[in-house]
Amino acid sequence: MLSKKTKYAIKALVVLGKNADKPPMQISKIAEEEKIPKKFLEQILLDLRNAGFLYSKKGAGGGYSLNKDPKDIYLVQIMRITDGPIAMVPCASLNFYHKCDECHQETTCGIRDVFIEVRDATVKILSETSIADVISRESTLILNG
């Protein structure tokens, strides 16, 4: 399941992507528009800034803006920053692997084999979907809605 932290990070990046040609946005405005608790959003934006996705400016006219083009920010990157592993079981993780305590023989484990396929399919979709794609999908859904 997608954590609130990841969902809020994506929502904030979408808002900032939609406002890319405007001055930096204040945390309070993003929090209000997206119904995200301000304190929680502060931590999320700090993590995204530290990872190089955001630029922050202090003082009058300050706030946050994207440090990268929305088409260059992929959901897989955001999920790994906010939640860590994409895989549903630790033995199937690419970046956060560790052996399952109860596993007798990893190479013949049917559960692991299935969840490696799930991980691969998930990573493929998330690696090919950018913030720009999410913005585009929202526009299409609004037009067709």
N, C-alpha and C. Protein backbone atom coordinates (compact mmCIF):
# COMPACT_ATOMS: atom_id res chain seq x y z
N MET A 1 0.84 -1.17 0.00
CA MET A 1 0.00 0.00 0.00
C MET A 1 0.89 1.24 0.00
N LEU A 2 0.45 2.26 -0.70
CA LEU A 2 1.18 3.51 -0.76
C LEU A 2 1.03 4.26 0.56
N SER A 3 2.15 4.63 1.15
CA SER A 3 2.10 5.36 2.42
C SER A 3 1.63 6.79 2.20
N LYS A 4 1.12 7.40 3.27
CA LYS A 4 0.70 8.80 3.18
C LYS A 4 1.89 9.69 2.84
N LYS A 5 3.05 9.35 3.38
CA LYS A 5 4.25 10.14 3.11
C LYS A 5 4.54 10.18 1.61
N THR A 6 4.48 9.01 0.96
CA THR A 6 4.76 8.95 -0.47
C THR A 6 3.66 9.67 -1.26
N LYS A 7 2.42 9.42 -0.89
CA LYS A 7 1.30 10.07 -1.59
C LYS A 7 1.40 11.58 -1.47
N TYR A 8 1.71 12.08 -0.29
CA TYR A 8 1.84 13.52 -0.09
C TYR A 8 3.03 14.08 -0.87
N ALA A 9 4.12 13.33 -0.93
CA ALA A 9 5.29 13.77 -1.70
C ALA A 9 4.93 13.92 -3.17
N ILE A 10 4.22 12.93 -3.70
CA ILE A 10 3.82 12.99 -5.11
C ILE A 10 2.86 14.15 -5.34
N LYS A 11 1.89 14.32 -4.44
CA LYS A 11 0.94 15.42 -4.58
C LYS A 11 1.65 16.78 -4.56
N ALA A 12 2.62 16.93 -3.66
CA ALA A 12 3.36 18.20 -3.58
C ALA A 12 4.17 18.43 -4.85
N LEU A 13 4.80 17.39 -5.36
CA LEU A 13 5.58 17.53 -6.60
C LEU A 13 4.68 17.86 -7.79
N VAL A 14 3.49 17.30 -7.82
CA VAL A 14 2.53 17.62 -8.89
C VAL A 14 2.14 19.09 -8.83
N VAL A 15 1.82 19.58 -7.64
CA VAL A 15 1.46 21.00 -7.49
C VAL A 15 2.63 21.89 -7.92
N LEU A 16 3.82 21.55 -7.47
CA LEU A 16 4.99 22.35 -7.85
C LEU A 16 5.26 22.25 -9.35
N GLY A 17 5.00 21.08 -9.93
CA GLY A 17 5.16 20.92 -11.38
C GLY A 17 4.18 21.76 -12.16
N LYS A 18 2.96 21.85 -11.67
CA LYS A 18 1.94 22.67 -12.33
C LYS A 18 2.26 24.16 -12.21
N ASN A 19 3.03 24.52 -11.20
CA ASN A 19 3.38 25.92 -10.96
C ASN A 19 4.85 26.22 -11.28
N ALA A 20 5.43 25.40 -12.14
CA ALA A 20 6.87 25.50 -12.43
C ALA A 20 7.27 26.87 -12.99
N ASP A 21 6.38 27.54 -13.68
CA ASP A 21 6.72 28.84 -14.28
C ASP A 21 6.38 30.02 -13.37
N LYS A 22 5.99 29.72 -12.14
CA LYS A 22 5.62 30.75 -11.18
C LYS A 22 6.65 30.84 -10.06
N PRO A 23 6.56 31.86 -9.20
CA PRO A 23 7.50 31.98 -8.08
C PRO A 23 7.38 30.78 -7.14
N PRO A 24 8.40 30.58 -6.28
CA PRO A 24 8.35 29.47 -5.33
C PRO A 24 7.06 29.49 -4.50
N MET A 25 6.59 28.31 -4.15
CA MET A 25 5.35 28.19 -3.36
C MET A 25 5.68 27.99 -1.89
N GLN A 26 4.93 28.64 -1.04
CA GLN A 26 5.10 28.47 0.39
C GLN A 26 4.49 27.14 0.83
N ILE A 27 5.07 26.56 1.87
CA ILE A 27 4.60 25.29 2.40
C ILE A 27 3.12 25.39 2.78
N SER A 28 2.72 26.48 3.40
CA SER A 28 1.33 26.61 3.84
C SER A 28 0.35 26.57 2.68
N LYS A 29 0.73 27.13 1.54
CA LYS A 29 -0.14 27.12 0.35
C LYS A 29 -0.27 25.70 -0.20
N ILE A 30 0.85 24.98 -0.29
CA ILE A 30 0.81 23.59 -0.77
C ILE A 30 -0.02 22.74 0.18
N ALA A 31 0.21 22.90 1.47
CA ALA A 31 -0.51 22.12 2.48
C ALA A 31 -2.01 22.38 2.40
N GLU A 32 -2.38 23.63 2.23
CA GLU A 32 -3.79 23.99 2.15
C GLU A 32 -4.43 23.42 0.88
N GLU A 33 -3.78 23.62 -0.26
CA GLU A 33 -4.32 23.15 -1.55
C GLU A 33 -4.49 21.64 -1.59
N GLU A 34 -3.55 20.93 -1.01
CA GLU A 34 -3.56 19.46 -1.11
C GLU A 34 -4.05 18.76 0.15
N LYS A 35 -4.48 19.55 1.15
CA LYS A 35 -4.97 18.99 2.42
C LYS A 35 -3.95 18.04 3.06
N ILE A 36 -2.73 18.56 3.18
CA ILE A 36 -1.63 17.83 3.79
C ILE A 36 -1.26 18.53 5.09
N PRO A 37 -1.11 17.80 6.19
CA PRO A 37 -0.67 18.45 7.44
C PRO A 37 0.66 19.19 7.23
N LYS A 38 0.69 20.45 7.61
CA LYS A 38 1.84 21.32 7.33
C LYS A 38 3.15 20.77 7.90
N LYS A 39 3.15 20.34 9.15
CA LYS A 39 4.39 19.84 9.77
C LYS A 39 4.91 18.60 9.03
N PHE A 40 4.01 17.72 8.66
CA PHE A 40 4.39 16.51 7.92
C PHE A 40 4.95 16.90 6.55
N LEU A 41 4.30 17.86 5.90
CA LEU A 41 4.76 18.33 4.59
C LEU A 41 6.15 18.96 4.68
N GLU A 42 6.42 19.69 5.76
CA GLU A 42 7.75 20.30 5.93
C GLU A 42 8.85 19.25 5.87
N GLN A 43 8.64 18.14 6.56
CA GLN A 43 9.64 17.06 6.58
C GLN A 43 9.78 16.41 5.21
N ILE A 44 8.66 16.19 4.56
CA ILE A 44 8.67 15.58 3.22
C ILE A 44 9.43 16.47 2.24
N LEU A 45 9.13 17.76 2.24
CA LEU A 45 9.80 18.68 1.32
C LEU A 45 11.29 18.79 1.62
N LEU A 46 11.65 18.73 2.89
CA LEU A 46 13.06 18.74 3.27
C LEU A 46 13.78 17.51 2.70
N ASP A 47 13.14 16.33 2.83
CA ASP A 47 13.72 15.11 2.26
C ASP A 47 13.89 15.23 0.74
N LEU A 48 12.88 15.78 0.07
CA LEU A 48 12.95 15.93 -1.39
C LEU A 48 14.00 16.97 -1.79
N ARG A 49 14.14 18.01 -0.97
CA ARG A 49 15.19 19.00 -1.24
C ARG A 49 16.58 18.38 -1.07
N ASN A 50 16.75 17.63 0.02
CA ASN A 50 18.04 16.99 0.27
C ASN A 50 18.40 15.97 -0.80
N ALA A 51 17.38 15.41 -1.44
CA ALA A 51 17.61 14.44 -2.53
C ALA A 51 17.83 15.14 -3.87
N GLY A 52 17.72 16.48 -3.90
CA GLY A 52 18.00 17.23 -5.11
C GLY A 52 16.82 17.50 -6.02
N PHE A 53 15.61 17.17 -5.58
CA PHE A 53 14.44 17.38 -6.42
C PHE A 53 13.84 18.77 -6.28
N LEU A 54 14.10 19.42 -5.15
CA LEU A 54 13.52 20.72 -4.88
C LEU A 54 14.59 21.77 -4.59
N TYR A 55 14.21 23.00 -4.83
CA TYR A 55 15.01 24.16 -4.48
C TYR A 55 14.18 24.93 -3.45
N SER A 56 14.83 25.43 -2.41
CA SER A 56 14.10 26.25 -1.44
C SER A 56 14.76 27.61 -1.32
N LYS A 57 13.92 28.59 -1.11
CA LYS A 57 14.38 29.97 -0.96
C LYS A 57 13.76 30.53 0.30
N LYS A 58 14.58 31.11 1.15
CA LYS A 58 14.09 31.69 2.41
C LYS A 58 13.72 33.16 2.21
N GLY A 59 12.93 33.66 3.15
CA GLY A 59 12.60 35.08 3.16
C GLY A 59 11.40 35.43 2.31
N ALA A 60 11.24 36.77 2.09
CA ALA A 60 10.12 37.26 1.29
C ALA A 60 10.19 36.69 -0.12
N GLY A 61 9.08 36.20 -0.61
CA GLY A 61 9.06 35.59 -1.94
C GLY A 61 9.66 34.20 -1.95
N GLY A 62 9.89 33.66 -0.75
CA GLY A 62 10.50 32.35 -0.63
C GLY A 62 9.50 31.23 -0.71
N GLY A 63 10.03 30.04 -0.68
CA GLY A 63 9.20 28.86 -0.74
C GLY A 63 9.96 27.75 -1.46
N TYR A 64 9.21 26.83 -2.04
CA TYR A 64 9.79 25.69 -2.74
C TYR A 64 9.43 25.72 -4.21
N SER A 65 10.37 25.26 -5.02
CA SER A 65 10.12 25.05 -6.44
C SER A 65 10.91 23.82 -6.88
N LEU A 66 10.54 23.29 -8.04
CA LEU A 66 11.23 22.11 -8.55
C LEU A 66 12.64 22.47 -8.96
N ASN A 67 13.56 21.59 -8.67
CA ASN A 67 14.96 21.75 -9.06
C ASN A 67 15.24 20.97 -10.34
N LYS A 68 14.24 20.19 -10.79
CA LYS A 68 14.35 19.38 -11.99
C LYS A 68 13.08 19.55 -12.79
N ASP A 69 13.16 19.24 -14.05
CA ASP A 69 11.98 19.25 -14.90
C ASP A 69 11.05 18.13 -14.45
N PRO A 70 9.73 18.36 -14.41
CA PRO A 70 8.80 17.31 -13.99
C PRO A 70 8.93 16.01 -14.79
N LYS A 71 9.38 16.10 -16.03
CA LYS A 71 9.54 14.87 -16.84
C LYS A 71 10.77 14.07 -16.42
N ASP A 72 11.61 14.66 -15.56
CA ASP A 72 12.82 13.97 -15.10
C ASP A 72 12.72 13.49 -13.65
N ILE A 73 11.52 13.58 -13.08
CA ILE A 73 11.29 13.10 -11.71
C ILE A 73 10.35 11.90 -11.81
N TYR A 74 10.87 10.74 -11.50
CA TYR A 74 10.10 9.49 -11.66
C TYR A 74 9.56 9.00 -10.33
N LEU A 75 8.39 8.39 -10.39
CA LEU A 75 7.73 7.90 -9.18
C LEU A 75 8.59 6.91 -8.41
N VAL A 76 9.36 6.08 -9.12
CA VAL A 76 10.22 5.10 -8.43
C VAL A 76 11.23 5.82 -7.52
N GLN A 77 11.74 6.95 -7.97
CA GLN A 77 12.70 7.71 -7.16
C GLN A 77 12.03 8.25 -5.91
N ILE A 78 10.84 8.79 -6.06
CA ILE A 78 10.13 9.39 -4.94
C ILE A 78 9.77 8.31 -3.92
N MET A 79 9.29 7.16 -4.41
CA MET A 79 8.93 6.08 -3.49
C MET A 79 10.14 5.58 -2.70
N ARG A 80 11.28 5.48 -3.34
CA ARG A 80 12.48 5.00 -2.63
C ARG A 80 12.95 6.02 -1.60
N ILE A 81 12.80 7.30 -1.89
CA ILE A 81 13.19 8.34 -0.94
C ILE A 81 12.26 8.34 0.27
N THR A 82 10.98 8.21 0.02
CA THR A 82 10.01 8.35 1.11
C THR A 82 9.73 7.06 1.85
N ASP A 83 9.78 5.92 1.15
CA ASP A 83 9.40 4.65 1.77
C ASP A 83 10.49 3.58 1.76
N GLY A 84 11.51 3.75 0.94
CA GLY A 84 12.54 2.73 0.86
C GLY A 84 12.22 1.69 -0.21
N PRO A 85 12.13 0.42 0.18
CA PRO A 85 11.99 -0.64 -0.81
C PRO A 85 10.66 -0.62 -1.56
N ILE A 86 10.72 -1.03 -2.82
CA ILE A 86 9.53 -1.18 -3.64
C ILE A 86 8.97 -2.60 -3.45
N ALA A 87 9.87 -3.56 -3.30
CA ALA A 87 9.47 -4.97 -3.17
C ALA A 87 8.63 -5.17 -1.91
N MET A 88 7.71 -6.13 -2.00
CA MET A 88 6.81 -6.41 -0.88
C MET A 88 7.42 -7.37 0.13
N VAL A 89 8.47 -8.08 -0.26
CA VAL A 89 9.20 -8.95 0.67
C VAL A 89 10.68 -8.60 0.58
N PRO A 90 11.39 -8.62 1.69
CA PRO A 90 12.78 -8.15 1.70
C PRO A 90 13.73 -8.95 0.81
N CYS A 91 13.45 -10.23 0.62
CA CYS A 91 14.35 -11.06 -0.18
C CYS A 91 14.20 -10.79 -1.68
N ALA A 92 13.18 -10.01 -2.08
CA ALA A 92 12.98 -9.68 -3.49
C ALA A 92 13.42 -8.24 -3.79
N SER A 93 13.92 -7.54 -2.80
CA SER A 93 14.29 -6.14 -2.97
C SER A 93 15.61 -5.99 -3.72
N LEU A 94 15.64 -5.02 -4.62
CA LEU A 94 16.87 -4.71 -5.36
C LEU A 94 17.85 -3.90 -4.51
N ASN A 95 17.34 -2.88 -3.84
CA ASN A 95 18.20 -1.95 -3.10
C ASN A 95 18.22 -2.15 -1.59
N PHE A 96 17.27 -2.92 -1.07
CA PHE A 96 17.16 -3.08 0.38
C PHE A 96 17.07 -4.57 0.75
N TYR A 97 17.75 -5.39 0.01
CA TYR A 97 17.69 -6.84 0.19
C TYR A 97 18.13 -7.28 1.58
N HIS A 98 17.40 -8.23 2.13
CA HIS A 98 17.91 -9.06 3.21
C HIS A 98 17.10 -10.35 3.23
N LYS A 99 17.77 -11.40 3.65
CA LYS A 99 17.19 -12.74 3.64
C LYS A 99 16.05 -12.81 4.65
N CYS A 100 14.98 -13.50 4.25
CA CYS A 100 13.85 -13.71 5.16
C CYS A 100 14.26 -14.71 6.23
N ASP A 101 13.93 -14.43 7.47
CA ASP A 101 14.31 -15.29 8.59
C ASP A 101 13.76 -16.71 8.47
N GLU A 102 12.54 -16.83 7.98
CA GLU A 102 11.89 -18.13 7.94
C GLU A 102 12.18 -18.94 6.67
N CYS A 103 12.95 -18.37 5.76
CA CYS A 103 13.21 -19.05 4.48
C CYS A 103 14.30 -20.11 4.62
N HIS A 104 14.01 -21.31 4.12
CA HIS A 104 14.98 -22.41 4.17
C HIS A 104 15.91 -22.39 2.97
N GLN A 105 15.35 -22.21 1.78
CA GLN A 105 16.14 -22.25 0.55
C GLN A 105 15.61 -21.16 -0.39
N GLU A 106 16.27 -20.03 -0.40
CA GLU A 106 15.83 -18.88 -1.18
C GLU A 106 15.70 -19.17 -2.67
N THR A 107 16.62 -19.93 -3.22
CA THR A 107 16.63 -20.19 -4.67
C THR A 107 15.46 -21.03 -5.14
N THR A 108 14.81 -21.76 -4.22
CA THR A 108 13.66 -22.58 -4.61
C THR A 108 12.37 -22.10 -3.96
N CYS A 109 12.36 -20.90 -3.44
CA CYS A 109 11.18 -20.35 -2.77
C CYS A 109 10.20 -19.78 -3.81
N GLY A 110 9.03 -20.40 -3.88
CA GLY A 110 8.00 -19.95 -4.82
C GLY A 110 7.46 -18.58 -4.48
N ILE A 111 7.36 -18.26 -3.20
CA ILE A 111 6.87 -16.94 -2.78
C ILE A 111 7.82 -15.86 -3.30
N ARG A 112 9.10 -16.04 -3.06
CA ARG A 112 10.10 -15.08 -3.53
C ARG A 112 10.04 -14.92 -5.04
N ASP A 113 9.92 -16.04 -5.75
CA ASP A 113 9.89 -16.00 -7.20
C ASP A 113 8.71 -15.16 -7.72
N VAL A 114 7.54 -15.34 -7.15
CA VAL A 114 6.36 -14.57 -7.55
C VAL A 114 6.58 -13.09 -7.24
N PHE A 115 7.11 -12.79 -6.06
CA PHE A 115 7.24 -11.39 -5.67
C PHE A 115 8.40 -10.67 -6.37
N ILE A 116 9.32 -11.41 -6.93
CA ILE A 116 10.32 -10.79 -7.81
C ILE A 116 9.63 -10.32 -9.10
N GLU A 117 8.70 -11.13 -9.62
CA GLU A 117 7.93 -10.72 -10.80
C GLU A 117 7.09 -9.49 -10.50
N VAL A 118 6.44 -9.48 -9.34
CA VAL A 118 5.63 -8.33 -8.93
C VAL A 118 6.52 -7.09 -8.83
N ARG A 119 7.66 -7.24 -8.18
CA ARG A 119 8.61 -6.12 -8.04
C ARG A 119 9.04 -5.61 -9.40
N ASP A 120 9.41 -6.51 -10.30
CA ASP A 120 9.89 -6.09 -11.63
C ASP A 120 8.82 -5.32 -12.41
N ALA A 121 7.58 -5.81 -12.35
CA ALA A 121 6.49 -5.12 -13.05
C ALA A 121 6.24 -3.74 -12.43
N THR A 122 6.25 -3.68 -11.11
CA THR A 122 6.03 -2.43 -10.40
C THR A 122 7.14 -1.43 -10.70
N VAL A 123 8.37 -1.88 -10.60
CA VAL A 123 9.51 -1.00 -10.86
C VAL A 123 9.48 -0.49 -12.30
N LYS A 124 9.10 -1.33 -13.23
CA LYS A 124 9.02 -0.91 -14.64
C LYS A 124 8.03 0.23 -14.80
N ILE A 125 6.84 0.08 -14.26
CA ILE A 125 5.82 1.13 -14.38
C ILE A 125 6.27 2.40 -13.67
N LEU A 126 6.75 2.28 -12.45
CA LEU A 126 7.16 3.45 -11.68
C LEU A 126 8.38 4.14 -12.28
N SER A 127 9.25 3.39 -12.94
CA SER A 127 10.45 3.95 -13.57
C SER A 127 10.13 4.68 -14.86
N GLU A 128 8.97 4.37 -15.42
CA GLU A 128 8.57 4.99 -16.69
C GLU A 128 7.53 6.09 -16.50
N THR A 129 7.12 6.34 -15.26
CA THR A 129 6.08 7.33 -14.99
C THR A 129 6.68 8.50 -14.22
N SER A 130 6.62 9.67 -14.84
CA SER A 130 7.19 10.88 -14.24
C SER A 130 6.10 11.76 -13.64
N ILE A 131 6.52 12.76 -12.93
CA ILE A 131 5.57 13.75 -12.39
C ILE A 131 4.84 14.42 -13.55
N ALA A 132 5.52 14.68 -14.66
CA ALA A 132 4.87 15.26 -15.84
C ALA A 132 3.77 14.33 -16.35
N ASP A 133 4.00 13.02 -16.31
CA ASP A 133 2.99 12.05 -16.73
C ASP A 133 1.76 12.12 -15.82
N VAL A 134 2.00 12.24 -14.51
CA VAL A 134 0.89 12.32 -13.56
C VAL A 134 0.07 13.59 -13.84
N ILE A 135 0.75 14.71 -14.08
CA ILE A 135 0.08 15.97 -14.39
C ILE A 135 -0.75 15.81 -15.67
N SER A 136 -0.18 15.17 -16.67
CA SER A 136 -0.88 14.94 -17.94
C SER A 136 -2.11 14.06 -17.75
N ARG A 137 -1.96 13.01 -16.94
CA ARG A 137 -3.09 12.12 -16.67
C ARG A 137 -4.22 12.88 -15.97
N GLU A 138 -3.85 13.74 -15.02
CA GLU A 138 -4.87 14.52 -14.32
C GLU A 138 -5.63 15.41 -15.30
N SER A 139 -4.91 16.06 -16.20
CA SER A 139 -5.55 16.92 -17.20
C SER A 139 -6.51 16.12 -18.07
N THR A 140 -6.09 14.95 -18.50
CA THR A 140 -6.92 14.08 -19.33
C THR A 140 -8.16 13.63 -18.57
N LEU A 141 -7.98 13.24 -17.31
CA LEU A 141 -9.12 12.80 -16.50
C LEU A 141 -10.12 13.92 -16.28
N ILE A 142 -9.63 15.13 -16.10
CA ILE A 142 -10.52 16.28 -15.91
C ILE A 142 -11.31 16.54 -17.20
N LEU A 143 -10.63 16.48 -18.34
CA LEU A 143 -11.30 16.70 -19.63
C LEU A 143 -12.35 15.63 -19.92
N ASN A 144 -12.04 14.40 -19.55
CA ASN A 144 -12.95 13.28 -19.83
C ASN A 144 -13.98 13.07 -18.73
N GLY A 145 -13.80 13.78 -17.61
CA GLY A 145 -14.63 13.56 -16.43
C GLY A 145 -15.99 14.07 -16.56
